[in-house]
């Protein structure tokens, strides 16, 4: 018997955070769980119950350390084309559905924006307005690129569940479809390169795993998800990615021990008690074997990272792409009945990037979610 609804709905949109890479490819970050229990970024092995529906709205903001004009111009003079971005943010809408108690699918659609894109331009190439001259080269302030991103469809099959040990394991599989915009132009009317576009124009395959261990109010989770990138717009392959995470979650308020849930089930099974308000609520969800606490609070601490391969343009490797970022991400989730609100703040403790790139300074993720039987 599950302790209460947040245990069942914890992964309600667990896979909705798995779009895109991080700042290496100038996409919003990956991660996992937008549900009402367990980790926030890492994917839990738990699944929605059969017939359950989860919905979520998620907002992510990544602040990047911009490269100054001198660094960009110096790179250009060495024949090394680099660029700078101020921030990346994404507003995502998602829905998940439990096909069986062990199989769920989720769909996520994002709106993506990259702000203050700047890059050096050699004097002989152009003399457009809006550029700042310096040493025969110019800084081209290209503006922002925003629009609808690619849709991600991801499935999760839980092949192991042991209530006595509190362990679960699942495999992940899915696809990213090229539904996003690939035609955005800068302030001068020039087409943005593929890495700045909201969509990639590629079909990507996804596969991975998720593990969970529950010990009373504690939950330990780990996950990994590999993105096999295809060739997309402008003959560009933006590079494979591997998203990984580990998390510990603590139910500080509202934990219902399994023994108490069983007592509630037995109590409400008696005819003389079935008219009590709490037993009416229990009866409405008896087929799910689920109990609800009126309010719950989760404290979450995670390590979330991404390795990103170099992107290739017409088969040529871009040396200023790819790398590894690892975030330390404390977070909190508040749950009221079937609704949840969450926030997570990520601080990079590893920022190992290839060549010259804007690196993440910090990240914030917040959103709301709900589950329905």
Protein backbone atom coordinates (compact mmCIF):
# COMPACT_ATOMS: atom_id res chain seq x y z
CA UNK A 1 0.00 0.00 0.00
CA UNK A 2 1.37 3.40 -0.87
CA UNK A 3 1.77 5.83 2.01
CA UNK A 4 -0.36 8.52 0.37
CA UNK A 5 -1.07 10.26 -2.90
CA UNK A 6 2.31 11.98 -3.21
CA UNK A 7 4.03 8.60 -3.29
CA UNK A 8 1.84 7.60 -6.23
CA UNK A 9 2.00 10.99 -7.93
CA UNK A 10 5.66 11.65 -7.21
CA UNK A 11 6.61 10.71 -10.77
CA UNK A 12 3.43 12.16 -12.29
CA UNK A 13 5.44 14.20 -14.73
CA UNK A 14 8.80 12.73 -13.76
CA UNK A 15 10.00 12.69 -17.33
CA UNK A 16 8.82 16.16 -18.31
CA UNK A 17 12.11 17.77 -17.29
CA UNK A 18 14.12 15.73 -19.75
CA UNK A 19 14.21 18.13 -22.70
CA UNK A 20 17.43 19.48 -24.07
CA UNK A 21 20.91 19.82 -22.77
CA UNK A 22 22.39 22.52 -20.66
CA UNK A 23 24.42 25.56 -21.45
CA UNK A 24 26.95 23.62 -23.51
CA UNK A 25 24.42 23.45 -26.33
CA UNK A 26 22.58 26.54 -25.16
CA UNK A 27 19.47 24.58 -24.30
CA UNK A 28 17.54 24.43 -21.03
CA UNK A 29 18.75 21.87 -18.55
CA UNK A 30 17.71 18.30 -18.15
CA UNK A 31 16.43 16.55 -15.07
CA UNK A 32 13.51 14.67 -13.89
CA UNK A 33 10.67 14.99 -11.48
CA UNK A 34 7.96 17.65 -11.61
CA UNK A 35 5.65 15.61 -9.45
CA UNK A 36 4.50 15.86 -5.86
CA UNK A 37 7.03 13.62 -4.13
CA UNK A 38 10.68 12.60 -4.34
CA UNK A 39 13.35 14.49 -6.29
CA UNK A 40 12.78 17.55 -8.48
CA UNK A 41 15.45 17.18 -11.20
CA UNK A 42 16.48 13.54 -10.87
CA UNK A 43 14.08 10.96 -12.32
CA UNK A 44 12.36 8.69 -9.79
CA UNK A 45 11.72 5.03 -10.63
CA UNK A 46 8.13 5.37 -9.43
CA UNK A 47 5.30 5.57 -11.94
CA UNK A 48 1.79 6.92 -12.09
CA UNK A 49 -0.94 4.47 -11.16
CA UNK A 50 -3.08 2.95 -13.89
CA UNK A 51 -5.43 5.60 -15.27
CA UNK A 52 -3.80 8.48 -13.38
CA UNK A 53 -3.09 11.72 -15.20
CA UNK A 54 -0.46 14.26 -14.19
CA UNK A 55 -0.06 17.80 -15.49
CA UNK A 56 2.66 20.34 -14.83
CA UNK A 57 3.87 23.81 -15.70
CA UNK A 58 7.62 24.30 -15.25
CA UNK A 59 9.88 27.34 -15.56
CA UNK A 60 13.66 27.16 -15.71
CA UNK A 61 16.15 30.05 -15.80
CA UNK A 62 19.90 29.66 -16.31
CA UNK A 63 22.14 32.71 -15.78
CA UNK A 64 25.34 32.48 -17.79
CA UNK A 65 28.65 34.21 -17.22
CA UNK A 66 28.97 36.37 -20.30
CA UNK A 67 32.24 36.68 -22.20
CA UNK A 68 33.40 40.28 -22.39
CA UNK A 69 34.16 42.07 -25.67
CA UNK A 70 37.93 41.76 -25.27
CA UNK A 71 37.75 37.98 -24.88
CA UNK A 72 35.49 37.60 -27.91
CA UNK A 73 37.65 39.83 -30.10
CA UNK A 74 40.87 38.16 -28.99
CA UNK A 75 39.39 34.78 -29.92
CA UNK A 76 38.32 36.10 -33.33
CA UNK A 77 41.79 37.45 -34.05
CA UNK A 78 43.18 33.96 -33.37
CA UNK A 79 40.69 32.55 -35.88
CA UNK A 80 38.58 31.03 -33.08
CA UNK A 81 34.91 31.95 -33.50
CA UNK A 82 33.18 32.26 -30.11
CA UNK A 83 29.95 33.79 -28.83
CA UNK A 84 28.34 34.91 -25.60
CA UNK A 85 24.83 34.45 -24.17
CA UNK A 86 23.41 36.21 -21.11
CA UNK A 87 20.71 33.70 -20.11
CA UNK A 88 18.52 30.79 -21.16
CA UNK A 89 14.97 30.31 -19.92
CA UNK A 90 12.21 27.87 -20.78
CA UNK A 91 8.52 27.65 -19.89
CA UNK A 92 7.28 24.08 -20.35
CA UNK A 93 3.88 22.43 -20.33
CA UNK A 94 3.57 18.70 -19.79
CA UNK A 95 1.16 15.85 -19.27
CA UNK A 96 1.74 12.28 -18.10
CA UNK A 97 -0.51 9.21 -18.13
CA UNK A 98 -0.32 5.87 -16.33
CA UNK A 99 -1.07 3.13 -18.86
CA UNK A 100 -0.62 0.49 -16.16
CA UNK A 101 0.71 0.70 -12.61
CA UNK A 102 4.19 0.04 -14.02
CA UNK A 103 4.11 1.85 -17.37
CA UNK A 104 3.68 5.57 -17.90
CA UNK A 105 4.22 8.01 -20.77
CA UNK A 106 4.71 11.77 -20.72
CA UNK A 107 4.75 14.59 -23.23
CA UNK A 108 6.51 17.93 -22.83
CA UNK A 109 6.31 21.08 -24.96
CA UNK A 110 8.64 24.01 -24.12
CA UNK A 111 8.89 27.67 -25.07
CA UNK A 112 12.58 28.58 -25.13
CA UNK A 113 14.43 31.93 -25.10
CA UNK A 114 18.14 32.77 -25.33
CA UNK A 115 18.95 36.37 -24.51
CA UNK A 116 21.66 38.87 -25.51
CA UNK A 117 23.51 36.75 -28.06
CA UNK A 118 26.80 38.44 -28.98
CA UNK A 119 29.66 37.40 -31.21
CA UNK A 120 32.70 38.96 -32.91
CA UNK A 121 32.57 39.84 -36.61
CA UNK A 122 35.62 40.64 -38.72
CA UNK A 123 35.60 44.08 -40.37
CA UNK A 124 35.87 42.72 -43.90
CA UNK A 125 32.81 40.53 -43.42
CA UNK A 126 30.26 43.22 -42.60
CA UNK A 127 29.76 46.77 -41.41
CA UNK A 128 26.19 46.51 -40.16
CA UNK A 129 24.76 48.85 -37.60
CA UNK A 130 24.53 47.93 -33.99
CA UNK A 131 28.17 46.79 -33.84
CA UNK A 132 30.95 48.21 -31.75
CA UNK A 133 34.27 48.62 -33.55
CA UNK A 134 37.50 47.59 -31.89
CA UNK A 135 40.85 46.70 -33.43
CA UNK A 136 39.51 45.90 -36.92
CA UNK A 137 36.81 43.57 -35.57
CA UNK A 138 33.34 44.19 -34.22
CA UNK A 139 31.01 42.84 -31.56
CA UNK A 140 27.71 41.95 -33.18
CA UNK A 141 24.84 42.33 -30.69
CA UNK A 142 22.42 39.93 -32.33
CA UNK A 143 19.59 40.13 -29.78
CA UNK A 144 17.38 37.30 -28.53
CA UNK A 145 16.17 34.04 -30.07
CA UNK A 146 12.87 32.63 -28.79
CA UNK A 147 10.04 30.37 -29.83
CA UNK A 148 8.41 26.97 -29.48
CA UNK A 149 10.90 24.17 -28.82
CA UNK A 150 10.91 20.48 -29.70
CA UNK A 151 8.35 18.09 -28.25
CA UNK A 152 9.69 15.24 -26.12
CA UNK A 153 7.75 11.97 -25.70
CA UNK A 154 9.19 9.71 -23.03
CA UNK A 155 8.10 6.41 -21.53
CA UNK A 156 9.02 4.77 -18.25
CA UNK A 157 8.61 1.07 -17.49
CA UNK A 158 9.09 -0.09 -13.89
CA UNK A 159 10.36 -3.66 -14.03
CA UNK A 160 11.13 -4.02 -10.30
CA UNK A 161 9.18 -3.04 -7.20
CA UNK A 162 9.74 -4.52 -3.73
CA UNK A 163 7.56 -2.91 -1.05
CA UNK A 164 9.33 -4.75 1.77
CA UNK A 165 12.73 -3.39 0.75
CA UNK A 166 11.38 -0.07 -0.55
CA UNK A 167 13.21 -0.51 -3.86
CA UNK A 168 12.14 0.29 -7.43
CA UNK A 169 13.90 0.22 -10.81
CA UNK A 170 12.76 1.41 -14.23
CA UNK A 171 13.94 1.82 -17.80
CA UNK A 172 13.41 4.99 -19.82
CA UNK A 173 12.85 5.29 -23.55
CA UNK A 174 11.59 7.96 -25.89
CA UNK A 175 12.00 10.31 -28.79
CA UNK A 176 12.39 14.03 -29.41
CA UNK A 177 10.50 15.27 -32.46
CA UNK A 178 11.61 18.28 -34.59
CA UNK A 179 8.57 20.47 -33.85
CA UNK A 180 10.45 23.58 -32.70
CA UNK A 181 11.16 26.77 -34.64
CA UNK A 182 14.35 26.74 -36.71
CA UNK A 183 13.88 30.02 -38.64
CA UNK A 184 14.58 32.71 -36.03
CA UNK A 185 16.61 35.73 -37.20
CA UNK A 186 18.68 38.33 -35.36
CA UNK A 187 18.23 42.10 -35.18
CA UNK A 188 19.97 42.49 -38.56
CA UNK A 189 17.76 39.93 -40.28
CA UNK A 190 20.43 37.22 -40.40
CA UNK A 191 19.38 33.64 -39.68
CA UNK A 192 20.56 32.44 -36.27
CA UNK A 193 22.84 29.40 -36.29
CA UNK A 194 21.31 26.04 -35.37
CA UNK A 195 22.58 26.13 -31.77
CA UNK A 196 20.63 29.34 -31.07
CA UNK A 197 17.34 28.20 -32.60
CA UNK A 198 14.47 27.15 -30.27
CA UNK A 199 14.25 23.81 -32.10
CA UNK A 200 17.01 21.57 -33.36
CA UNK A 201 15.35 20.18 -36.49
CA UNK A 202 16.59 16.70 -35.53
CA UNK A 203 15.00 13.47 -34.42
CA UNK A 204 16.74 12.24 -31.24
CA UNK A 205 16.45 8.90 -29.46
CA UNK A 206 16.41 8.68 -25.65
CA UNK A 207 17.10 5.77 -23.34
CA UNK A 208 18.11 5.42 -19.71
CA UNK A 209 17.37 4.13 -16.22
CA UNK A 210 16.00 5.23 -12.84
CA UNK A 211 16.52 3.72 -9.36
CA UNK A 212 14.71 4.46 -6.10
CA UNK A 213 15.18 3.36 -2.49
CA UNK A 214 12.64 4.44 0.16
CA UNK A 215 13.31 4.35 3.89
CA UNK A 216 10.39 5.82 5.80
CA UNK A 217 10.31 9.58 5.09
CA UNK A 218 13.60 9.35 3.15
CA UNK A 219 13.89 8.65 -0.57
CA UNK A 220 17.15 8.02 -2.43
CA UNK A 221 17.03 8.30 -6.23
CA UNK A 222 19.46 8.05 -9.13
CA UNK A 223 18.92 8.30 -12.88
CA UNK A 224 20.73 8.54 -16.19
CA UNK A 225 19.34 9.48 -19.60
CA UNK A 226 21.28 9.35 -22.87
CA UNK A 227 20.28 11.50 -25.84
CA UNK A 228 21.35 10.13 -29.20
CA UNK A 229 21.32 13.26 -31.36
CA UNK A 230 20.52 13.21 -35.06
CA UNK A 231 21.42 15.68 -37.79
CA UNK A 232 19.11 18.68 -37.80
CA UNK A 233 18.71 22.12 -39.26
CA UNK A 234 21.61 23.76 -41.14
CA UNK A 235 23.34 20.38 -41.48
CA UNK A 236 24.14 20.49 -37.74
CA UNK A 237 24.36 17.67 -35.23
CA UNK A 238 24.29 19.34 -31.82
CA UNK A 239 25.95 16.40 -30.09
CA UNK A 240 24.93 13.47 -27.91
CA UNK A 241 24.21 14.15 -24.26
CA UNK A 242 24.13 12.17 -21.04
CA UNK A 243 22.03 13.60 -18.21
CA UNK A 244 22.59 12.11 -14.76
CA UNK A 245 21.52 12.79 -11.20
CA UNK A 246 21.40 11.56 -7.62
CA UNK A 247 19.07 12.86 -4.92
CA UNK A 248 18.00 12.46 -1.33
CA UNK A 249 14.52 13.66 -0.36
CA UNK A 250 13.10 14.00 3.14
CA UNK A 251 9.40 14.31 3.94
CA UNK A 252 9.68 16.85 6.72
CA UNK A 253 5.92 17.30 7.18
CA UNK A 254 3.05 14.97 6.29
CA UNK A 255 4.69 11.54 6.21
CA UNK A 256 2.18 8.72 6.71
CA UNK A 257 3.84 5.41 7.72
CA UNK A 258 2.61 2.32 5.86
CA UNK A 259 1.29 0.86 9.14
CA UNK A 260 -0.93 3.91 9.66
CA UNK A 261 -2.19 3.68 6.10
CA UNK A 262 -3.10 0.03 6.67
CA UNK A 263 -4.93 0.93 9.89
CA UNK A 264 -6.90 3.58 7.97
CA UNK A 265 -7.79 1.03 5.31
CA UNK A 266 -9.07 -1.43 7.94
CA UNK A 267 -10.90 1.28 9.91
CA UNK A 268 -12.73 2.62 6.87
CA UNK A 269 -13.62 -0.90 5.78
CA UNK A 270 -16.05 -1.15 8.71
CA UNK A 271 -19.61 -0.16 7.81
CA UNK A 272 -20.13 2.07 10.86
CA UNK A 273 -17.17 4.24 9.88
CA UNK A 274 -17.78 4.70 6.17
CA UNK A 275 -19.77 7.92 6.57
CA UNK A 276 -16.89 9.75 8.27
CA UNK A 277 -15.40 12.47 6.07
CA UNK A 278 -11.91 11.00 6.08
CA UNK A 279 -13.34 7.59 5.17
CA UNK A 280 -15.33 9.08 2.29
CA UNK A 281 -12.09 10.45 0.87
CA UNK A 282 -10.47 7.08 1.44
CA UNK A 283 -13.31 5.33 -0.38
CA UNK A 284 -12.89 7.58 -3.41
CA UNK A 285 -9.32 6.31 -3.82
CA UNK A 286 -9.62 2.82 -2.37
CA UNK A 287 -9.06 1.22 -5.76
CA UNK A 288 -5.64 2.91 -5.83
CA UNK A 289 -4.78 1.93 -2.22
CA UNK A 290 -3.76 5.54 -1.62
CA UNK A 291 -3.98 7.85 1.38
CA UNK A 292 -3.62 11.62 1.39
CA UNK A 293 -2.12 13.95 3.94
CA UNK A 294 -3.75 17.41 3.94
CA UNK A 295 -0.31 19.05 3.69
CA UNK A 296 3.20 17.80 3.09
CA UNK A 297 6.63 19.38 2.76
CA UNK A 298 9.65 17.77 1.07
CA UNK A 299 13.27 18.88 1.48
CA UNK A 300 15.45 17.83 -1.46
CA UNK A 301 19.21 17.83 -2.11
CA UNK A 302 20.51 16.76 -5.51
CA UNK A 303 23.58 16.46 -7.68
CA UNK A 304 22.53 16.97 -11.30
CA UNK A 305 24.89 16.94 -14.23
CA UNK A 306 25.29 16.67 -17.97
CA UNK A 307 28.02 15.57 -20.30
CA UNK A 308 27.65 17.03 -23.78
CA UNK A 309 29.57 15.98 -26.88
CA UNK A 310 30.90 18.54 -29.39
CA UNK A 311 28.47 19.69 -32.01
CA UNK A 312 29.32 19.07 -35.66
CA UNK A 313 28.45 21.39 -38.54
CA UNK A 314 28.58 19.66 -41.94
CA UNK A 315 30.71 17.02 -40.24
CA UNK A 316 33.23 19.54 -38.85
CA UNK A 317 33.72 19.56 -35.05
CA UNK A 318 33.04 22.85 -33.28
CA UNK A 319 35.84 23.22 -30.70
CA UNK A 320 33.78 25.75 -28.69
CA UNK A 321 31.05 23.28 -27.77
CA UNK A 322 30.47 20.40 -25.40
CA UNK A 323 31.71 19.72 -21.91
CA UNK A 324 30.44 18.78 -18.46
CA UNK A 325 28.43 20.69 -15.86
CA UNK A 326 27.54 19.40 -12.40
CA UNK A 327 25.07 21.29 -10.17
CA UNK A 328 24.52 21.07 -6.43
CA UNK A 329 20.76 21.64 -6.21
CA UNK A 330 18.87 22.12 -2.94
CA UNK A 331 15.11 22.36 -3.29
CA UNK A 332 11.74 22.24 -1.56
CA UNK A 333 8.28 21.00 -2.51
CA UNK A 334 4.96 21.84 -0.84
CA UNK A 335 2.00 19.49 -1.39
CA UNK A 336 -1.67 20.22 -0.72
CA UNK A 337 -3.88 17.24 -1.50
CA UNK A 338 -3.25 16.45 -5.20
CA UNK A 339 -1.45 19.74 -5.98
CA UNK A 340 2.23 20.59 -5.57
CA UNK A 341 4.56 23.56 -5.98
CA UNK A 342 8.34 23.18 -6.12
CA UNK A 343 11.53 25.20 -6.43
CA UNK A 344 15.15 24.12 -6.89
CA UNK A 345 18.29 26.28 -7.04
CA UNK A 346 21.38 24.91 -8.77
CA UNK A 347 24.95 26.10 -8.23
CA UNK A 348 27.60 24.61 -10.56
CA UNK A 349 30.43 22.85 -8.74
CA UNK A 350 31.93 21.53 -12.01
CA UNK A 351 32.08 23.77 -15.11
CA UNK A 352 34.39 21.95 -17.51
CA UNK A 353 33.69 23.24 -21.02
CA UNK A 354 35.54 22.87 -24.30
CA UNK A 355 37.08 25.96 -25.87
CA UNK A 356 35.52 29.38 -25.24
CA UNK A 357 31.92 29.34 -23.98
CA UNK A 358 29.55 31.17 -21.66
CA UNK A 359 29.36 29.02 -18.53
CA UNK A 360 26.41 28.71 -16.10
CA UNK A 361 26.58 30.91 -12.99
CA UNK A 362 23.40 29.56 -11.39
CA UNK A 363 20.08 27.94 -12.25
CA UNK A 364 16.58 28.11 -10.79
CA UNK A 365 13.72 25.73 -11.51
CA UNK A 366 10.17 26.21 -10.28
CA UNK A 367 6.70 25.06 -11.16
CA UNK A 368 3.37 23.58 -10.17
CA UNK A 369 1.85 20.15 -10.80
CA UNK A 370 -1.28 18.15 -10.12
CA UNK A 371 -2.50 14.57 -10.42
CA UNK A 372 -5.96 13.24 -11.17
CA UNK A 373 -7.42 9.75 -10.96
